[in-house]
Amino acid sequence: MDLDLRNELEELLDDIRKRQRHIEDQVFLISVLDRDGHNTLEQQAKLKHERKQLALQMEMQTKLLHKANLQP
């Protein structure tokens, strides 16, 4: 695998892990706020956006992995 491609994959994986952790934290926070009776519409909208970004990052990771497998 090309070194640049490997580095790009590693950086992307690190970003994916960070975003997944952030999403988990936000889900927990929203559940606590909901339980306490707070309005969480804004947090839920941000969470929806974060999940979309995560999906895009994972799609990019899949494309890079596919590209890496096609390289000699």
C-alpha atoms as a PDB file:
ATOM      1  CA  MET A   1       0.000   0.000   0.000  1.00  0.00           C
ATOM      2  CA  ASP A   2       1.219   3.476  -0.872  1.00  0.00           C
ATOM      3  CA  LEU A   3       2.567   5.401   2.151  1.00  0.00           C
ATOM      4  CA  ASP A   4       0.424   8.464   1.405  1.00  0.00           C
ATOM      5  CA  LEU A   5      -2.668   6.294   1.155  1.00  0.00           C
ATOM      6  CA  ARG A   6      -1.791   4.521   4.393  1.00  0.00           C
ATOM      7  CA  ASN A   7      -1.334   7.855   6.175  1.00  0.00           C
ATOM      8  CA  GLU A   8      -4.614   9.161   4.786  1.00  0.00           C
ATOM      9  CA  LEU A   9      -6.416   6.022   5.983  1.00  0.00           C
ATOM     10  CA  GLU A  10      -4.869   6.254   9.454  1.00  0.00           C
ATOM     11  CA  GLU A  11      -5.821   9.915   9.774  1.00  0.00           C
ATOM     12  CA  LEU A  12      -9.339   9.212   8.572  1.00  0.00           C
ATOM     13  CA  LEU A  13      -9.712   6.310  11.007  1.00  0.00           C
ATOM     14  CA  ASP A  14      -8.586   8.560  13.854  1.00  0.00           C
ATOM     15  CA  ASP A  15     -11.142  11.189  12.818  1.00  0.00           C
ATOM     16  CA  ILE A  16     -13.860   8.515  12.619  1.00  0.00           C
ATOM     17  CA  ARG A  17     -13.039   7.279  16.117  1.00  0.00           C
ATOM     18  CA  LYS A  18     -13.167  10.815  17.503  1.00  0.00           C
ATOM     19  CA  ARG A  19     -16.489  11.528  15.805  1.00  0.00           C
ATOM     20  CA  GLN A  20     -17.953   8.224  17.046  1.00  0.00           C
ATOM     21  CA  ARG A  21     -16.918   9.079  20.594  1.00  0.00           C
ATOM     22  CA  HIS A  22     -18.386  12.572  20.259  1.00  0.00           C
ATOM     23  CA  ILE A  23     -21.663  11.108  18.999  1.00  0.00           C
ATOM     24  CA  GLU A  24     -21.799   8.655  21.900  1.00  0.00           C
ATOM     25  CA  ASP A  25     -21.212  11.521  24.331  1.00  0.00           C
ATOM     26  CA  GLN A  26     -23.941  13.611  22.712  1.00  0.00           C
ATOM     27  CA  VAL A  27     -26.440  10.734  22.816  1.00  0.00           C
ATOM     28  CA  PHE A  28     -25.766  10.373  26.536  1.00  0.00           C
ATOM     29  CA  LEU A  29     -26.059  14.114  27.136  1.00  0.00           C
ATOM     30  CA  ILE A  30     -29.339  14.323  25.223  1.00  0.00           C
ATOM     31  CA  SER A  31     -30.765  11.434  27.221  1.00  0.00           C
ATOM     32  CA  VAL A  32     -29.865  13.169  30.490  1.00  0.00           C
ATOM     33  CA  LEU A  33     -31.292  16.482  29.322  1.00  0.00           C
ATOM     34  CA  ASP A  34     -34.482  14.765  28.121  1.00  0.00           C
ATOM     35  CA  ARG A  35     -34.869  12.994  31.430  1.00  0.00           C
ATOM     36  CA  ASP A  36     -34.525  16.321  33.230  1.00  0.00           C
ATOM     37  CA  GLY A  37     -37.199  17.892  31.032  1.00  0.00           C
ATOM     38  CA  HIS A  38     -34.992  20.147  28.874  1.00  0.00           C
ATOM     39  CA  ASN A  39     -35.669  20.996  25.248  1.00  0.00           C
ATOM     40  CA  THR A  40     -33.113  19.070  23.190  1.00  0.00           C
ATOM     41  CA  LEU A  41     -34.163  19.952  19.643  1.00  0.00           C
ATOM     42  CA  GLU A  42     -30.968  21.888  18.959  1.00  0.00           C
ATOM     43  CA  GLN A  43     -28.737  19.110  20.301  1.00  0.00           C
ATOM     44  CA  GLN A  44     -30.688  16.512  18.322  1.00  0.00           C
ATOM     45  CA  ALA A  45     -30.251  18.521  15.108  1.00  0.00           C
ATOM     46  CA  LYS A  46     -26.502  18.768  15.733  1.00  0.00           C
ATOM     47  CA  LEU A  47     -26.382  15.042  16.456  1.00  0.00           C
ATOM     48  CA  LYS A  48     -28.157  14.295  13.195  1.00  0.00           C
ATOM     49  CA  HIS A  49     -25.551  16.373  11.354  1.00  0.00           C
ATOM     50  CA  GLU A  50     -22.688  14.600  13.142  1.00  0.00           C
ATOM     51  CA  ARG A  51     -24.123  11.216  12.169  1.00  0.00           C
ATOM     52  CA  LYS A  52     -24.323  12.301   8.534  1.00  0.00           C
ATOM     53  CA  GLN A  53     -20.705  13.459   8.669  1.00  0.00           C
ATOM     54  CA  LEU A  54     -19.702  10.127  10.186  1.00  0.00           C
ATOM     55  CA  ALA A  55     -21.448   8.275   7.376  1.00  0.00           C
ATOM     56  CA  LEU A  56     -19.570  10.387   4.826  1.00  0.00           C
ATOM     57  CA  GLN A  57     -16.260   9.678   6.541  1.00  0.00           C
ATOM     58  CA  MET A  58     -16.985   5.957   6.581  1.00  0.00           C
ATOM     59  CA  GLU A  59     -17.889   6.081   2.894  1.00  0.00           C
ATOM     60  CA  MET A  60     -14.562   7.798   2.187  1.00  0.00           C
ATOM     61  CA  GLN A  61     -12.780   5.134   4.222  1.00  0.00           C
ATOM     62  CA  THR A  62     -14.446   2.400   2.165  1.00  0.00           C
ATOM     63  CA  LYS A  63     -13.378   4.085  -1.066  1.00  0.00           C
ATOM     64  CA  LEU A  64      -9.796   4.430   0.147  1.00  0.00           C
ATOM     65  CA  LEU A  65      -9.680   0.801   1.257  1.00  0.00           C
ATOM     66  CA  HIS A  66     -11.025  -0.283  -2.116  1.00  0.00           C
ATOM     67  CA  LYS A  67      -8.398   1.868  -3.828  1.00  0.00           C
ATOM     68  CA  ALA A  68      -5.689   0.347  -1.637  1.00  0.00           C
ATOM     69  CA  ASN A  69      -6.775  -3.177  -2.581  1.00  0.00           C
ATOM     70  CA  LEU A  70      -6.572  -2.334  -6.282  1.00  0.00           C
ATOM     71  CA  GLN A  71      -2.996  -1.121  -6.024  1.00  0.00           C
ATOM     72  CA  PRO A  72      -0.246  -3.641  -6.765  1.00  0.00           C
END
